[in-house]
């Protein structure tokens, strides 16, 4: 992460870092059969919306 920040622009590195939560949740769902609660889903949606907002604006 820090190496990527040194080599690349933060506008590219940060969204990739923040969206890694999607991979973690997908892994937990597929491998461990964990369910996503309504509260967790709302939090995830807010993280994704905020990250996409940073990319677009």
C-alpha atoms as a PDB file:
ATOM      1  CA  UNK A   1       0.000   0.000   0.000  1.00  0.00           C
ATOM      2  CA  UNK A   2       2.667   2.479   0.990  1.00  0.00           C
ATOM      3  CA  UNK A   3       4.820   1.495  -1.950  1.00  0.00           C
ATOM      4  CA  UNK A   4       1.868   2.038  -4.284  1.00  0.00           C
ATOM      5  CA  UNK A   5       1.318   5.465  -2.751  1.00  0.00           C
ATOM      6  CA  UNK A   6       4.964   6.330  -3.373  1.00  0.00           C
ATOM      7  CA  UNK A   7       4.880   5.160  -6.993  1.00  0.00           C
ATOM      8  CA  UNK A   8       1.373   6.069  -8.115  1.00  0.00           C
ATOM      9  CA  UNK A   9      -1.128   8.866  -7.709  1.00  0.00           C
ATOM     10  CA  UNK A  10      -3.332   8.664  -4.638  1.00  0.00           C
ATOM     11  CA  UNK A  11      -6.427   9.157  -6.804  1.00  0.00           C
ATOM     12  CA  UNK A  12      -5.798   5.691  -8.279  1.00  0.00           C
ATOM     13  CA  UNK A  13      -4.420   3.852  -5.250  1.00  0.00           C
ATOM     14  CA  UNK A  14      -6.986   4.898  -2.639  1.00  0.00           C
ATOM     15  CA  UNK A  15     -10.153   3.680  -4.419  1.00  0.00           C
ATOM     16  CA  UNK A  16      -8.549   0.296  -5.041  1.00  0.00           C
ATOM     17  CA  UNK A  17      -7.633   0.053  -1.369  1.00  0.00           C
ATOM     18  CA  UNK A  18     -11.082   1.069  -0.151  1.00  0.00           C
ATOM     19  CA  UNK A  19     -12.918  -1.313  -2.486  1.00  0.00           C
ATOM     20  CA  UNK A  20     -10.884  -4.268  -1.220  1.00  0.00           C
ATOM     21  CA  UNK A  21     -13.605  -4.631   1.429  1.00  0.00           C
ATOM     22  CA  UNK A  22     -15.815  -6.051  -1.342  1.00  0.00           C
ATOM     23  CA  UNK A  23     -13.337  -8.857  -1.936  1.00  0.00           C
ATOM     24  CA  UNK A  24     -13.183  -9.607   1.785  1.00  0.00           C
ATOM     25  CA  UNK A  25     -16.956  -9.802   2.106  1.00  0.00           C
ATOM     26  CA  UNK A  26     -17.301 -11.909  -1.044  1.00  0.00           C
ATOM     27  CA  UNK A  27     -14.635 -14.274   0.301  1.00  0.00           C
ATOM     28  CA  UNK A  28     -16.462 -14.583   3.639  1.00  0.00           C
ATOM     29  CA  UNK A  29     -19.753 -15.241   1.843  1.00  0.00           C
ATOM     30  CA  UNK A  30     -18.409 -17.824  -0.611  1.00  0.00           C
ATOM     31  CA  UNK A  31     -15.884 -19.672   1.544  1.00  0.00           C
ATOM     32  CA  UNK A  32     -17.324 -19.361   5.060  1.00  0.00           C
ATOM     33  CA  UNK A  33     -21.033 -19.087   4.103  1.00  0.00           C
ATOM     34  CA  UNK A  34     -21.449 -15.978   6.253  1.00  0.00           C
ATOM     35  CA  UNK A  35     -24.600 -13.954   5.806  1.00  0.00           C
ATOM     36  CA  UNK A  36     -24.644 -10.211   5.351  1.00  0.00           C
ATOM     37  CA  UNK A  37     -26.967  -8.499   7.847  1.00  0.00           C
ATOM     38  CA  UNK A  38     -29.031  -5.504   6.885  1.00  0.00           C
ATOM     39  CA  UNK A  39     -26.827  -3.235   8.986  1.00  0.00           C
ATOM     40  CA  UNK A  40     -23.634  -4.625   7.465  1.00  0.00           C
ATOM     41  CA  UNK A  41     -25.100  -4.335   3.976  1.00  0.00           C
ATOM     42  CA  UNK A  42     -25.984  -0.704   4.600  1.00  0.00           C
ATOM     43  CA  UNK A  43     -22.468   0.004   5.843  1.00  0.00           C
ATOM     44  CA  UNK A  44     -20.972  -1.725   2.820  1.00  0.00           C
ATOM     45  CA  UNK A  45     -23.212   0.254   0.483  1.00  0.00           C
ATOM     46  CA  UNK A  46     -22.119   3.492   2.155  1.00  0.00           C
ATOM     47  CA  UNK A  47     -18.434   2.579   1.813  1.00  0.00           C
ATOM     48  CA  UNK A  48     -18.869   1.743  -1.867  1.00  0.00           C
ATOM     49  CA  UNK A  49     -20.928   4.884  -2.534  1.00  0.00           C
ATOM     50  CA  UNK A  50     -18.339   7.066  -0.807  1.00  0.00           C
ATOM     51  CA  UNK A  51     -15.486   5.469  -2.706  1.00  0.00           C
ATOM     52  CA  UNK A  52     -17.259   5.829  -6.024  1.00  0.00           C
ATOM     53  CA  UNK A  53     -18.081   9.430  -5.112  1.00  0.00           C
ATOM     54  CA  UNK A  54     -14.375  10.109  -4.596  1.00  0.00           C
ATOM     55  CA  UNK A  55     -13.573   8.609  -7.981  1.00  0.00           C
ATOM     56  CA  UNK A  56     -16.238  10.527  -9.883  1.00  0.00           C
ATOM     57  CA  UNK A  57     -15.765  13.887  -8.187  1.00  0.00           C
END
